[in-house]
Amino acid sequence: MTGPAAVPWDGDGVVTLPSGVRVRGRRTDRPAPAVDFALVLGRGPAPPWPHRRVRWPDFWVPTDRADALAALRETRDRAGAGQRVEVCCRGGVGRTGTALAALAVLDGASPRDAVRWVRRCYAPRAVEVPWQRWWLSAVR
């Protein structure tokens, strides 16, 4: 086997959603092994592998809820189909943590449990501001 699927899928930033699906969260400015697909949140460098960008200002929520939810569903579907996917933003904490929590909500967790999970499994400061927590209540 060659390509991203040949790389062991564990290590820094890789979390397991409630269903067992694995996703990597990371900062965009740090080198990382290639994946099959990346969801890039906000501005900043894009990875050299296939990706989709969502307009999501730092310390805020996505500017287009429908586009963000469609991108999160696509990311979840790709991961569920066995692709190695990542979610990333410049800092790798607030937006990335909120998106990982949203993936957990799409996976069946309540928004409150998703925030607890992402802070325990990914980054203690994930979902940095109250409006990111509130935004999770609209994820369906």
C-alpha atoms as a PDB file:
ATOM      1  CA  MET A   1       0.000   0.000   0.000  1.00  0.00           C
ATOM      2  CA  THR A   2       1.227   3.521  -0.752  1.00  0.00           C
ATOM      3  CA  GLY A   3       0.037   7.047  -0.011  1.00  0.00           C
ATOM      4  CA  PRO A   4      -1.727   8.358   3.083  1.00  0.00           C
ATOM      5  CA  ALA A   5      -3.551   5.084   3.763  1.00  0.00           C
ATOM      6  CA  ALA A   6      -0.189   3.345   4.336  1.00  0.00           C
ATOM      7  CA  VAL A   7       0.726   5.687   7.216  1.00  0.00           C
ATOM      8  CA  PRO A   8      -0.358   4.496  10.682  1.00  0.00           C
ATOM      9  CA  TRP A   9      -3.387   6.585  11.648  1.00  0.00           C
ATOM     10  CA  ASP A  10      -2.480   7.694  15.125  1.00  0.00           C
ATOM     11  CA  GLY A  11      -0.269  10.245  16.776  1.00  0.00           C
ATOM     12  CA  ASP A  12      -0.508  13.962  17.380  1.00  0.00           C
ATOM     13  CA  GLY A  13      -3.972  15.372  16.917  1.00  0.00           C
ATOM     14  CA  VAL A  14      -5.721  12.160  15.849  1.00  0.00           C
ATOM     15  CA  VAL A  15      -8.954  11.684  17.786  1.00  0.00           C
ATOM     16  CA  THR A  16     -11.599   8.988  17.687  1.00  0.00           C
ATOM     17  CA  LEU A  17     -15.202  10.133  17.349  1.00  0.00           C
ATOM     18  CA  PRO A  18     -17.953   8.337  19.316  1.00  0.00           C
ATOM     19  CA  SER A  19     -18.606   5.981  16.360  1.00  0.00           C
ATOM     20  CA  GLY A  20     -14.945   4.958  16.145  1.00  0.00           C
ATOM     21  CA  VAL A  21     -14.174   7.112  13.105  1.00  0.00           C
ATOM     22  CA  ARG A  22     -10.766   8.813  13.353  1.00  0.00           C
ATOM     23  CA  VAL A  23      -9.969  12.409  12.369  1.00  0.00           C
ATOM     24  CA  ARG A  24      -6.845  14.511  12.800  1.00  0.00           C
ATOM     25  CA  GLY A  25      -6.898  18.083  14.068  1.00  0.00           C
ATOM     26  CA  ARG A  26      -3.874  20.339  13.636  1.00  0.00           C
ATOM     27  CA  ARG A  27      -2.378  23.780  13.047  1.00  0.00           C
ATOM     28  CA  THR A  28      -1.873  24.690   9.394  1.00  0.00           C
ATOM     29  CA  ASP A  29       1.610  26.077   9.981  1.00  0.00           C
ATOM     30  CA  ARG A  30       3.093  22.783  11.199  1.00  0.00           C
ATOM     31  CA  PRO A  31       4.265  20.045   8.845  1.00  0.00           C
ATOM     32  CA  ALA A  32       2.199  16.875   8.976  1.00  0.00           C
ATOM     33  CA  PRO A  33       1.962  13.579   7.130  1.00  0.00           C
ATOM     34  CA  ALA A  34      -0.323  13.675   4.095  1.00  0.00           C
ATOM     35  CA  VAL A  35      -3.980  12.757   4.358  1.00  0.00           C
ATOM     36  CA  ASP A  36      -6.666  12.049   1.779  1.00  0.00           C
ATOM     37  CA  PHE A  37      -8.671  15.214   2.527  1.00  0.00           C
ATOM     38  CA  ALA A  38      -8.426  18.333   4.687  1.00  0.00           C
ATOM     39  CA  LEU A  39     -11.068  20.737   5.913  1.00  0.00           C
ATOM     40  CA  VAL A  40      -9.291  24.100   6.199  1.00  0.00           C
ATOM     41  CA  LEU A  41     -10.978  26.635   8.477  1.00  0.00           C
ATOM     42  CA  GLY A  42     -10.368  30.288   7.696  1.00  0.00           C
ATOM     43  CA  ARG A  43      -7.444  31.839   5.933  1.00  0.00           C
ATOM     44  CA  GLY A  44      -3.912  30.605   6.054  1.00  0.00           C
ATOM     45  CA  PRO A  45      -1.820  28.078   4.215  1.00  0.00           C
ATOM     46  CA  ALA A  46      -3.597  25.234   2.471  1.00  0.00           C
ATOM     47  CA  PRO A  47      -2.104  21.756   2.482  1.00  0.00           C
ATOM     48  CA  PRO A  48      -0.789  20.258  -0.771  1.00  0.00           C
ATOM     49  CA  TRP A  49      -3.393  17.472  -0.662  1.00  0.00           C
ATOM     50  CA  PRO A  50      -7.112  17.701  -1.597  1.00  0.00           C
ATOM     51  CA  HIS A  51      -8.950  20.121   0.651  1.00  0.00           C
ATOM     52  CA  ARG A  52     -12.007  22.266   1.104  1.00  0.00           C
ATOM     53  CA  ARG A  53     -11.926  25.693   2.735  1.00  0.00           C
ATOM     54  CA  VAL A  54     -14.636  27.162   4.971  1.00  0.00           C
ATOM     55  CA  ARG A  55     -14.762  30.880   5.717  1.00  0.00           C
ATOM     56  CA  TRP A  56     -14.396  30.931   9.492  1.00  0.00           C
ATOM     57  CA  PRO A  57     -12.831  33.984  11.183  1.00  0.00           C
ATOM     58  CA  ASP A  58     -10.493  33.420  14.119  1.00  0.00           C
ATOM     59  CA  PHE A  59     -12.308  33.428  17.500  1.00  0.00           C
ATOM     60  CA  TRP A  60     -15.662  33.342  15.745  1.00  0.00           C
ATOM     61  CA  VAL A  61     -18.053  30.953  13.972  1.00  0.00           C
ATOM     62  CA  PRO A  62     -18.381  30.154  10.253  1.00  0.00           C
ATOM     63  CA  THR A  63     -19.676  33.014   8.125  1.00  0.00           C
ATOM     64  CA  ASP A  64     -21.930  30.638   6.169  1.00  0.00           C
ATOM     65  CA  ARG A  65     -23.603  28.049   8.402  1.00  0.00           C
ATOM     66  CA  ALA A  66     -24.971  25.940   5.520  1.00  0.00           C
ATOM     67  CA  ASP A  67     -21.566  25.741   3.797  1.00  0.00           C
ATOM     68  CA  ALA A  68     -19.817  24.874   7.060  1.00  0.00           C
ATOM     69  CA  LEU A  69     -22.317  22.133   7.895  1.00  0.00           C
ATOM     70  CA  ALA A  70     -22.043  20.702   4.364  1.00  0.00           C
ATOM     71  CA  ALA A  71     -18.238  20.703   4.659  1.00  0.00           C
ATOM     72  CA  LEU A  72     -18.385  19.042   8.086  1.00  0.00           C
ATOM     73  CA  ARG A  73     -20.770  16.372   6.772  1.00  0.00           C
ATOM     74  CA  GLU A  74     -18.463  15.753   3.807  1.00  0.00           C
ATOM     75  CA  THR A  75     -15.500  15.435   6.166  1.00  0.00           C
ATOM     76  CA  ARG A  76     -17.412  13.028   8.421  1.00  0.00           C
ATOM     77  CA  ASP A  77     -18.583  10.963   5.426  1.00  0.00           C
ATOM     78  CA  ARG A  78     -15.054  10.717   4.025  1.00  0.00           C
ATOM     79  CA  ALA A  79     -13.666   9.650   7.400  1.00  0.00           C
ATOM     80  CA  GLY A  80     -16.492   7.130   7.790  1.00  0.00           C
ATOM     81  CA  ALA A  81     -15.627   5.697   4.371  1.00  0.00           C
ATOM     82  CA  GLY A  82     -12.074   5.008   5.542  1.00  0.00           C
ATOM     83  CA  GLN A  83     -10.301   8.098   4.224  1.00  0.00           C
ATOM     84  CA  ARG A  84      -7.726   9.825   6.371  1.00  0.00           C
ATOM     85  CA  VAL A  85      -9.072  13.311   6.974  1.00  0.00           C
ATOM     86  CA  GLU A  86      -7.984  16.309   8.982  1.00  0.00           C
ATOM     87  CA  VAL A  87      -9.511  19.523  10.237  1.00  0.00           C
ATOM     88  CA  CYS A  88      -7.116  22.446  10.530  1.00  0.00           C
ATOM     89  CA  CYS A  89      -6.832  26.185  11.146  1.00  0.00           C
ATOM     90  CA  ARG A  90      -3.976  28.572  11.831  1.00  0.00           C
ATOM     91  CA  GLY A  91      -3.897  28.032  15.615  1.00  0.00           C
ATOM     92  CA  GLY A  92      -5.347  24.518  15.682  1.00  0.00           C
ATOM     93  CA  VAL A  93      -7.417  25.103  18.847  1.00  0.00           C
ATOM     94  CA  GLY A  94     -10.584  27.233  18.684  1.00  0.00           C
ATOM     95  CA  ARG A  95     -11.914  26.705  15.173  1.00  0.00           C
ATOM     96  CA  THR A  96     -10.400  23.253  14.832  1.00  0.00           C
ATOM     97  CA  GLY A  97     -11.679  22.233  18.263  1.00  0.00           C
ATOM     98  CA  THR A  98     -15.142  23.574  17.463  1.00  0.00           C
ATOM     99  CA  ALA A  99     -15.194  21.703  14.153  1.00  0.00           C
ATOM    100  CA  LEU A 100     -14.061  18.474  15.843  1.00  0.00           C
ATOM    101  CA  ALA A 101     -16.807  18.957  18.440  1.00  0.00           C
ATOM    102  CA  ALA A 102     -19.284  19.522  15.583  1.00  0.00           C
ATOM    103  CA  LEU A 103     -18.157  16.238  14.029  1.00  0.00           C
ATOM    104  CA  ALA A 104     -18.852  14.552  17.373  1.00  0.00           C
ATOM    105  CA  VAL A 105     -22.344  16.120  17.390  1.00  0.00           C
ATOM    106  CA  LEU A 106     -22.927  14.821  13.848  1.00  0.00           C
ATOM    107  CA  ASP A 107     -21.731  11.475  15.216  1.00  0.00           C
ATOM    108  CA  GLY A 108     -24.451  11.481  17.895  1.00  0.00           C
ATOM    109  CA  ALA A 109     -22.993  13.371  20.881  1.00  0.00           C
ATOM    110  CA  SER A 110     -24.845  16.240  22.524  1.00  0.00           C
ATOM    111  CA  PRO A 111     -23.187  19.646  22.080  1.00  0.00           C
ATOM    112  CA  ARG A 112     -22.262  19.741  25.786  1.00  0.00           C
ATOM    113  CA  ASP A 113     -20.749  16.241  25.684  1.00  0.00           C
ATOM    114  CA  ALA A 114     -18.941  17.090  22.434  1.00  0.00           C
ATOM    115  CA  VAL A 115     -17.233  20.078  24.068  1.00  0.00           C
ATOM    116  CA  ARG A 116     -16.171  17.961  27.044  1.00  0.00           C
ATOM    117  CA  TRP A 117     -14.926  15.224  24.699  1.00  0.00           C
ATOM    118  CA  VAL A 118     -12.875  17.552  22.464  1.00  0.00           C
ATOM    119  CA  ARG A 119     -11.303  19.261  25.477  1.00  0.00           C
ATOM    120  CA  ARG A 120     -10.376  15.887  26.970  1.00  0.00           C
ATOM    121  CA  CYS A 121      -9.219  14.149  23.789  1.00  0.00           C
ATOM    122  CA  TYR A 122      -7.829  16.963  21.645  1.00  0.00           C
ATOM    123  CA  ALA A 123      -7.030  20.259  23.424  1.00  0.00           C
ATOM    124  CA  PRO A 124      -8.058  21.568  26.863  1.00  0.00           C
ATOM    125  CA  ARG A 125      -8.802  25.028  25.396  1.00  0.00           C
ATOM    126  CA  ALA A 126     -10.747  23.774  22.352  1.00  0.00           C
ATOM    127  CA  VAL A 127     -13.969  25.680  21.648  1.00  0.00           C
ATOM    128  CA  GLU A 128     -12.469  28.909  22.922  1.00  0.00           C
ATOM    129  CA  VAL A 129     -15.362  31.373  23.089  1.00  0.00           C
ATOM    130  CA  PRO A 130     -19.015  31.165  24.194  1.00  0.00           C
ATOM    131  CA  TRP A 131     -20.432  31.780  20.719  1.00  0.00           C
ATOM    132  CA  GLN A 132     -18.543  28.708  19.415  1.00  0.00           C
ATOM    133  CA  ARG A 133     -20.301  26.633  22.109  1.00  0.00           C
ATOM    134  CA  TRP A 134     -23.642  28.208  21.166  1.00  0.00           C
ATOM    135  CA  TRP A 135     -22.993  27.523  17.470  1.00  0.00           C
ATOM    136  CA  LEU A 136     -22.661  23.807  18.250  1.00  0.00           C
ATOM    137  CA  SER A 137     -26.289  23.736  19.392  1.00  0.00           C
ATOM    138  CA  ALA A 138     -27.299  24.462  15.760  1.00  0.00           C
ATOM    139  CA  VAL A 139     -25.296  21.530  14.351  1.00  0.00           C
ATOM    140  CA  ARG A 140     -27.558  18.816  13.000  1.00  0.00           C
END
